Each structure stands twice: as C-alpha cells, then as structure tokens.
Amino acid sequence: MRILGLTLATVLAASAAAPAFAADRVSDSELVRASRCLGLAKAANLGPSDATALQAFVKTQGRGRDPLVQNRAENAEQAARSQAGKAKNNLKAALIAERDGVCKALVETSSTASAATPAGA
C-alpha cells in the first residue's frame, strides 16, 4: 500500500510539472527554424554575430526531442552554415537580413516569454 501511495504521489507531481514544461517548449518546426538561425549566426562569411543566446535556446529546446527532430535541426544548422559560406552578393545580403531580422526576433521573443513566465508556474 505504501508503494502505491508513493507511486501515486510521484505521478501527480510529474503531471503537475508537465504543463509548465510544455508551455515553455516550442514546436518542432520552430526548433528547426532556430537551428537554421544558429547556423547563420555561426557563419563566418556573414560577418560577426553573437550566437550565444541562440545556442542556449537550441540546446535547451532540443532536450528530450525525438531523434528525428534533433537530426532535422542539426541538418538545418549545417545547411545554413554551408549556404552562408558559399553566398555571394544578393544571397549574402538576404541571409544577413534573415539572421539580423527574423532570427533576432526569434531570440527576443523566446527570452521575453521565458522572462514573463514566473518560475514554477
């Protein structure tokens, strides 16, 4: 009986924590998009960029994901770095605009959302 009580308490505690974790978790496609942004931020050909926030975001959001999703995210990062490494003129300008626009907004949105969510909520 005591084991059943401990098991029930563990299950209830885990289920109470699940909604808070799920609220902070982005979709698989958003993780892949963030990984692409990380690849652009790391690309030397596009000029200097601070990839620290994106790297932390991708690492945190990648935990516990299906291996296929993790593989897609890694491939997106590598493809973006490769594309940026070969980019010239107009494509290079478009990739820089993506990195400094959409990608920057992605990091700002995720950091604002996590700052607005109280710990333990």
Protein backbone atom coordinates (compact mmCIF):
# COMPACT_ATOMS: atom_id res chain seq x y z
CA MET A 1 0.00 0.00 0.00
CA ARG A 2 2.84 2.35 0.83
CA ILE A 3 4.46 1.73 -2.58
CA LEU A 4 1.17 2.51 -4.31
CA GLY A 5 0.94 5.78 -2.38
CA LEU A 6 4.49 6.78 -3.32
CA THR A 7 3.86 5.90 -6.96
CA LEU A 8 0.65 7.91 -7.00
CA ALA A 9 2.40 10.90 -5.40
CA THR A 10 5.18 10.72 -8.00
CA VAL A 11 2.72 10.56 -10.87
CA LEU A 12 0.76 13.53 -9.51
CA ALA A 13 3.91 15.58 -9.04
CA ALA A 14 5.05 14.80 -12.57
CA SER A 15 1.68 15.67 -14.06
CA ALA A 16 1.63 18.98 -12.19
CA ALA A 17 5.03 19.91 -13.60
CA ALA A 18 4.19 18.86 -17.16
CA PRO A 19 2.03 21.88 -18.11
CA ALA A 20 4.74 24.33 -17.06
CA PHE A 21 7.31 22.49 -19.15
CA ALA A 22 5.00 22.20 -22.13
CA ALA A 23 4.24 25.93 -22.06
CA ASP A 24 7.94 26.76 -22.46
CA ARG A 25 8.53 24.24 -25.23
CA VAL A 26 8.46 25.39 -28.85
CA SER A 27 7.19 23.27 -31.73
CA ASP A 28 9.49 21.01 -33.70
CA SER A 29 9.38 23.34 -36.70
CA GLU A 30 10.33 26.32 -34.52
CA LEU A 31 13.30 24.34 -33.18
CA VAL A 32 14.42 23.59 -36.73
CA ARG A 33 14.00 27.26 -37.65
CA ALA A 34 16.07 28.29 -34.61
CA SER A 35 18.75 25.79 -35.62
CA ARG A 36 18.88 27.37 -39.08
CA CYS A 37 19.29 30.74 -37.41
CA LEU A 38 22.11 29.31 -35.30
CA GLY A 39 23.85 28.15 -38.47
CA LEU A 40 23.54 31.64 -39.94
CA ALA A 41 24.82 33.23 -36.73
CA LYS A 42 27.86 30.94 -36.72
CA ALA A 43 28.69 31.51 -40.40
CA ALA A 44 31.92 33.48 -40.65
CA ASN A 45 31.12 34.64 -44.21
CA LEU A 46 28.16 36.69 -42.95
CA GLY A 47 30.24 38.74 -40.53
CA PRO A 48 30.32 38.78 -36.75
CA SER A 49 27.26 37.76 -34.79
CA ASP A 50 26.71 36.68 -31.20
CA ALA A 51 25.28 33.16 -31.31
CA THR A 52 25.26 32.63 -27.52
CA ALA A 53 21.54 33.16 -26.96
CA LEU A 54 20.56 31.05 -29.97
CA GLN A 55 22.94 28.29 -28.97
CA ALA A 56 21.46 28.15 -25.45
CA PHE A 57 17.93 28.23 -26.86
CA VAL A 58 18.55 25.38 -29.32
CA LYS A 59 20.33 23.30 -26.67
CA THR A 60 17.54 23.76 -24.12
CA GLN A 61 14.72 23.21 -26.61
CA GLY A 62 16.44 20.19 -28.16
CA ARG A 63 16.43 18.21 -24.93
CA GLY A 64 14.05 15.28 -24.91
CA ARG A 65 13.09 15.65 -28.57
CA ASP A 66 12.58 12.75 -30.92
CA PRO A 67 15.92 11.81 -32.54
CA LEU A 68 14.45 12.53 -36.00
CA VAL A 69 13.63 16.10 -34.95
CA GLN A 70 17.09 16.55 -33.46
CA ASN A 71 18.57 15.27 -36.71
CA ARG A 72 16.46 17.71 -38.75
CA ALA A 73 17.59 20.56 -36.50
CA GLU A 74 21.27 19.61 -36.85
CA ASN A 75 20.88 19.31 -40.63
CA ALA A 76 19.20 22.73 -40.80
CA GLU A 77 22.10 24.30 -38.91
CA GLN A 78 24.71 22.66 -41.13
CA ALA A 79 22.82 23.52 -44.32
CA ALA A 80 22.53 27.18 -43.28
CA ARG A 81 26.25 27.37 -42.48
CA SER A 82 27.08 25.79 -45.83
CA GLN A 83 24.70 28.08 -47.72
CA ALA A 84 26.14 31.13 -45.96
CA GLY A 85 29.70 30.00 -46.64
CA LYS A 86 29.05 29.93 -50.38
CA ALA A 87 26.84 33.03 -50.52
CA LYS A 88 27.73 35.99 -52.67
CA ASN A 89 26.18 39.44 -53.10
CA ASN A 90 22.35 39.28 -53.08
CA LEU A 91 22.09 35.92 -51.36
CA LYS A 92 24.61 37.01 -48.74
CA ALA A 93 22.61 40.19 -48.11
CA ALA A 94 19.38 38.16 -47.82
CA LEU A 95 20.96 35.74 -45.33
CA ILE A 96 22.32 38.62 -43.24
CA ALA A 97 18.86 40.20 -43.26
CA GLU A 98 17.33 36.89 -42.14
CA ARG A 99 19.90 36.49 -39.37
CA ASP A 100 19.53 40.06 -38.14
CA GLY A 101 15.75 40.20 -38.58
CA VAL A 102 13.73 37.02 -38.19
CA CYS A 103 16.40 35.22 -36.16
CA LYS A 104 16.97 38.12 -33.81
CA ALA A 105 13.22 38.41 -33.26
CA LEU A 106 13.05 34.68 -32.51
CA VAL A 107 15.61 35.02 -29.71
CA GLU A 108 13.98 38.17 -28.34
CA THR A 109 10.53 36.54 -28.36
CA SER A 110 11.77 33.41 -26.61
CA SER A 111 13.70 35.35 -23.96
CA THR A 112 10.75 37.69 -23.35
CA ALA A 113 8.38 34.73 -22.99
CA SER A 114 10.65 32.92 -20.56
CA ALA A 115 11.21 36.11 -18.53
CA ALA A 116 7.45 36.75 -18.37
CA THR A 117 6.75 33.23 -17.13
CA PRO A 118 7.31 33.08 -13.35
CA ALA A 119 9.49 30.26 -12.12
CA GLY A 120 7.44 27.26 -11.12
CA ALA A 121 4.37 28.48 -12.99
